[in-house]
């Protein structure tokens, strides 16, 4: 069984859901590698190398790259092929504006749909971040992503997928969590979001999640 078949038979990142097509599998893996910093901006994406790495043929790789290009994650240039796109300040701001709306909605839906067990997992990740305050910025960024997507997947896999495509543009190595004051401010935002989720107040949770993303955008602009 290939790596792709194994993933398609279950769920990536421990998530349950329908089997992935080969194109969806490659797209998800590429997004994860970009988000984790395995693939950095400016890196050339060679179809043959990606196909070998993920255990698939060239066709789903080509289709996944096309979808990433349509979403703005990669670009094509003569003699270089596909590369992970560098973000201009204006594009960074636009990404945050999109994130604010999508993640506010994702949080509201999670507030309405999450089970007690799912909320317990959300709280557990939140406490893990609190325990690591003042620690390594990249590690905090990874925990931050885990918290956000534990929330989003508790509501809607579809909305979470759209949020993930935007997060993939910012690898953990490019993180404001490495700045202690910024990390403390964002962690305080998390406290408010968790409080709203605990109260099952979907509107408040949505507003706080949206404000949190815009707060992060402002912090990034002033670093």
Protein backbone atom coordinates (compact mmCIF):
# COMPACT_ATOMS: atom_id res chain seq x y z
CA UNK A 1 0.00 0.00 0.00
CA UNK A 2 1.38 3.42 -0.97
CA UNK A 3 1.45 6.41 1.36
CA UNK A 4 -1.36 7.99 -0.68
CA UNK A 5 -3.53 4.89 -0.40
CA UNK A 6 -2.92 4.71 3.33
CA UNK A 7 -3.97 8.30 3.82
CA UNK A 8 -7.01 7.92 1.55
CA UNK A 9 -8.17 4.93 3.54
CA UNK A 10 -8.27 7.00 6.70
CA UNK A 11 -7.85 10.62 7.66
CA UNK A 12 -4.93 12.97 7.51
CA UNK A 13 -3.82 14.62 10.73
CA UNK A 14 -6.09 12.27 12.71
CA UNK A 15 -9.27 13.69 11.17
CA UNK A 16 -12.14 11.48 10.10
CA UNK A 17 -13.98 11.95 6.81
CA UNK A 18 -14.51 10.52 3.34
CA UNK A 19 -11.54 9.04 1.44
CA UNK A 20 -9.38 11.56 -0.40
CA UNK A 21 -8.90 11.45 -4.16
CA UNK A 22 -5.26 11.40 -5.26
CA UNK A 23 -5.48 15.06 -6.29
CA UNK A 24 -7.02 16.02 -2.92
CA UNK A 25 -4.34 14.00 -1.15
CA UNK A 26 -1.49 15.77 -2.99
CA UNK A 27 -3.15 19.16 -2.49
CA UNK A 28 -3.49 18.55 1.24
CA UNK A 29 0.09 17.33 1.58
CA UNK A 30 1.48 20.31 -0.34
CA UNK A 31 -0.52 22.74 1.79
CA UNK A 32 0.76 21.05 4.96
CA UNK A 33 4.37 21.15 3.74
CA UNK A 34 4.08 24.84 2.84
CA UNK A 35 2.38 25.65 6.15
CA UNK A 36 4.99 23.75 8.18
CA UNK A 37 7.90 25.42 6.39
CA UNK A 38 9.11 22.21 4.72
CA UNK A 39 8.54 24.01 1.41
CA UNK A 40 9.53 27.68 1.66
CA UNK A 41 8.69 30.69 -0.57
CA UNK A 42 10.79 30.70 -3.71
CA UNK A 43 11.21 26.93 -3.70
CA UNK A 44 10.84 25.30 -7.12
CA UNK A 45 8.15 22.60 -7.16
CA UNK A 46 9.17 19.83 -9.55
CA UNK A 47 6.36 17.48 -10.49
CA UNK A 48 8.54 14.37 -10.65
CA UNK A 49 9.99 14.98 -7.16
CA UNK A 50 6.56 15.64 -5.64
CA UNK A 51 5.11 12.53 -7.27
CA UNK A 52 7.95 10.40 -5.88
CA UNK A 53 7.68 11.94 -2.41
CA UNK A 54 3.94 11.32 -2.11
CA UNK A 55 3.81 8.00 -3.98
CA UNK A 56 1.51 9.12 -6.78
CA UNK A 57 1.68 9.65 -10.56
CA UNK A 58 2.33 12.99 -12.26
CA UNK A 59 -1.35 13.60 -13.10
CA UNK A 60 -2.68 14.37 -9.58
CA UNK A 61 0.45 16.43 -8.88
CA UNK A 62 -0.16 18.52 -11.98
CA UNK A 63 -3.82 19.04 -11.02
CA UNK A 64 -2.94 19.94 -7.40
CA UNK A 65 -0.39 22.50 -8.60
CA UNK A 66 -3.03 24.00 -10.87
CA UNK A 67 -5.40 24.38 -7.91
CA UNK A 68 -2.65 25.94 -5.77
CA UNK A 69 -1.92 28.40 -8.57
CA UNK A 70 -5.61 29.33 -8.79
CA UNK A 71 -5.61 29.93 -5.04
CA UNK A 72 -2.53 32.13 -5.20
CA UNK A 73 -0.18 29.87 -3.23
CA UNK A 74 2.19 29.26 -6.13
CA UNK A 75 3.17 31.00 -9.35
CA UNK A 76 4.74 29.98 -12.65
CA UNK A 77 7.74 31.71 -14.24
CA UNK A 78 9.72 30.96 -17.43
CA UNK A 79 12.63 28.56 -16.91
CA UNK A 80 11.70 28.10 -13.22
CA UNK A 81 8.34 26.39 -13.38
CA UNK A 82 6.14 26.41 -10.28
CA UNK A 83 7.42 28.13 -7.14
CA UNK A 84 5.89 28.95 -3.76
CA UNK A 85 4.79 32.54 -3.98
CA UNK A 86 6.30 35.37 -1.94
CA UNK A 87 3.64 37.61 -0.38
CA UNK A 88 3.61 41.38 -0.82
CA UNK A 89 2.41 43.51 2.15
CA UNK A 90 -0.85 44.24 0.34
CA UNK A 91 -1.43 40.55 -0.36
CA UNK A 92 -0.66 39.68 3.26
CA UNK A 93 -3.33 42.13 4.39
CA UNK A 94 -5.85 40.68 1.90
CA UNK A 95 -5.16 37.18 3.20
CA UNK A 96 -5.86 38.33 6.75
CA UNK A 97 -9.10 40.03 5.68
CA UNK A 98 -10.27 36.77 4.10
CA UNK A 99 -9.13 34.79 7.12
CA UNK A 100 -11.04 37.06 9.49
CA UNK A 101 -14.35 36.40 7.77
CA UNK A 102 -13.83 32.68 7.16
CA UNK A 103 -12.47 31.94 10.62
CA UNK A 104 -15.12 34.02 12.34
CA UNK A 105 -17.73 31.91 10.56
CA UNK A 106 -15.85 28.68 11.32
CA UNK A 107 -15.79 29.55 15.02
CA UNK A 108 -19.49 30.41 15.12
CA UNK A 109 -20.39 27.12 13.42
CA UNK A 110 -18.14 25.22 15.83
CA UNK A 111 -19.84 26.93 18.77
CA UNK A 112 -23.20 25.67 17.54
CA UNK A 113 -22.16 22.14 16.56
CA UNK A 114 -19.29 21.02 18.82
CA UNK A 115 -19.81 18.22 21.30
CA UNK A 116 -18.65 18.37 24.90
CA UNK A 117 -15.80 16.01 23.97
CA UNK A 118 -14.69 18.31 21.15
CA UNK A 119 -14.74 21.32 23.44
CA UNK A 120 -12.65 19.39 25.95
CA UNK A 121 -10.03 18.84 23.21
CA UNK A 122 -10.14 22.55 22.36
CA UNK A 123 -9.56 23.46 25.99
CA UNK A 124 -6.70 20.96 26.23
CA UNK A 125 -4.83 22.60 23.33
CA UNK A 126 -5.54 26.03 24.78
CA UNK A 127 -4.00 24.98 28.09
CA UNK A 128 -0.98 23.60 26.22
CA UNK A 129 -0.40 27.02 24.68
CA UNK A 130 -0.72 28.67 28.09
CA UNK A 131 1.89 26.26 29.44
CA UNK A 132 4.31 27.16 26.62
CA UNK A 133 3.99 30.95 26.87
CA UNK A 134 7.40 32.53 26.59
CA UNK A 135 8.73 29.48 24.76
CA UNK A 136 9.93 28.87 21.23
CA UNK A 137 8.06 30.95 18.66
CA UNK A 138 7.78 28.22 16.01
CA UNK A 139 6.52 25.73 18.58
CA UNK A 140 3.90 28.23 19.76
CA UNK A 141 2.91 28.86 16.14
CA UNK A 142 2.34 25.13 15.62
CA UNK A 143 0.24 24.93 18.80
CA UNK A 144 -1.67 28.03 17.72
CA UNK A 145 -2.54 26.39 14.41
CA UNK A 146 -3.60 23.23 16.25
CA UNK A 147 -5.94 25.23 18.49
CA UNK A 148 -7.55 27.08 15.60
CA UNK A 149 -8.16 23.96 13.55
CA UNK A 150 -9.35 21.90 16.51
CA UNK A 151 -12.04 24.56 16.76
CA UNK A 152 -12.80 24.77 13.04
CA UNK A 153 -12.99 21.01 12.48
CA UNK A 154 -15.45 20.79 15.37
CA UNK A 155 -17.84 22.80 13.23
CA UNK A 156 -17.35 22.29 9.50
CA UNK A 157 -14.73 20.35 7.55
CA UNK A 158 -15.58 22.40 4.45
CA UNK A 159 -15.03 25.77 6.11
CA UNK A 160 -11.91 24.45 7.84
CA UNK A 161 -10.51 23.42 4.46
CA UNK A 162 -10.93 26.95 3.11
CA UNK A 163 -9.22 28.37 6.20
CA UNK A 164 -6.37 25.88 5.80
CA UNK A 165 -5.68 27.03 2.23
CA UNK A 166 -5.05 30.55 3.55
CA UNK A 167 -2.95 29.41 6.52
CA UNK A 168 -0.68 27.53 4.13
CA UNK A 169 0.62 30.90 2.92
CA UNK A 170 2.23 31.58 6.32
CA UNK A 171 4.74 28.91 7.48
CA UNK A 172 5.50 28.74 11.24
CA UNK A 173 9.02 30.09 10.67
CA UNK A 174 7.40 33.39 9.61
CA UNK A 175 5.52 33.94 12.85
CA UNK A 176 4.62 36.78 15.16
CA UNK A 177 4.53 34.22 18.00
CA UNK A 178 8.31 34.64 18.20
CA UNK A 179 7.74 38.17 19.58
CA UNK A 180 6.88 37.89 23.32
CA UNK A 181 4.56 40.90 23.52
CA UNK A 182 2.69 39.85 20.38
CA UNK A 183 2.42 36.26 21.60
CA UNK A 184 0.98 37.44 24.93
CA UNK A 185 -1.58 39.62 23.15
CA UNK A 186 -2.70 36.80 20.86
CA UNK A 187 -2.89 34.36 23.76
CA UNK A 188 -5.17 36.82 25.57
CA UNK A 189 -7.41 36.84 22.48
CA UNK A 190 -7.58 33.06 22.72
CA UNK A 191 -8.82 33.36 26.31
CA UNK A 192 -11.77 35.43 25.08
CA UNK A 193 -12.60 33.03 22.26
CA UNK A 194 -12.55 30.04 24.59
CA UNK A 195 -14.76 31.93 27.03
CA UNK A 196 -17.34 32.57 24.29
CA UNK A 197 -17.22 28.93 23.16
CA UNK A 198 -17.69 27.76 26.72
CA UNK A 199 -20.77 29.99 27.00
CA UNK A 200 -22.03 28.63 23.64
CA UNK A 201 -22.41 32.23 22.44
CA UNK A 202 -21.91 31.81 18.68
CA UNK A 203 -22.15 35.51 17.79
CA UNK A 204 -19.65 36.54 20.46
CA UNK A 205 -17.32 33.71 19.44
CA UNK A 206 -17.55 34.80 15.79
CA UNK A 207 -16.78 38.44 16.61
CA UNK A 208 -13.87 37.56 18.88
CA UNK A 209 -12.37 35.17 16.33
CA UNK A 210 -12.66 37.78 13.58
CA UNK A 211 -11.13 40.47 15.80
CA UNK A 212 -8.34 38.07 16.77
CA UNK A 213 -7.30 37.55 13.14
CA UNK A 214 -7.38 41.28 12.42
CA UNK A 215 -5.39 41.88 15.62
CA UNK A 216 -2.77 39.45 14.33
CA UNK A 217 -2.67 41.36 11.02
CA UNK A 218 -2.06 44.64 12.85
CA UNK A 219 0.68 43.09 14.99
CA UNK A 220 2.41 41.69 11.90
CA UNK A 221 2.29 45.08 10.15
CA UNK A 222 4.00 46.81 13.06
CA UNK A 223 6.79 44.31 13.71
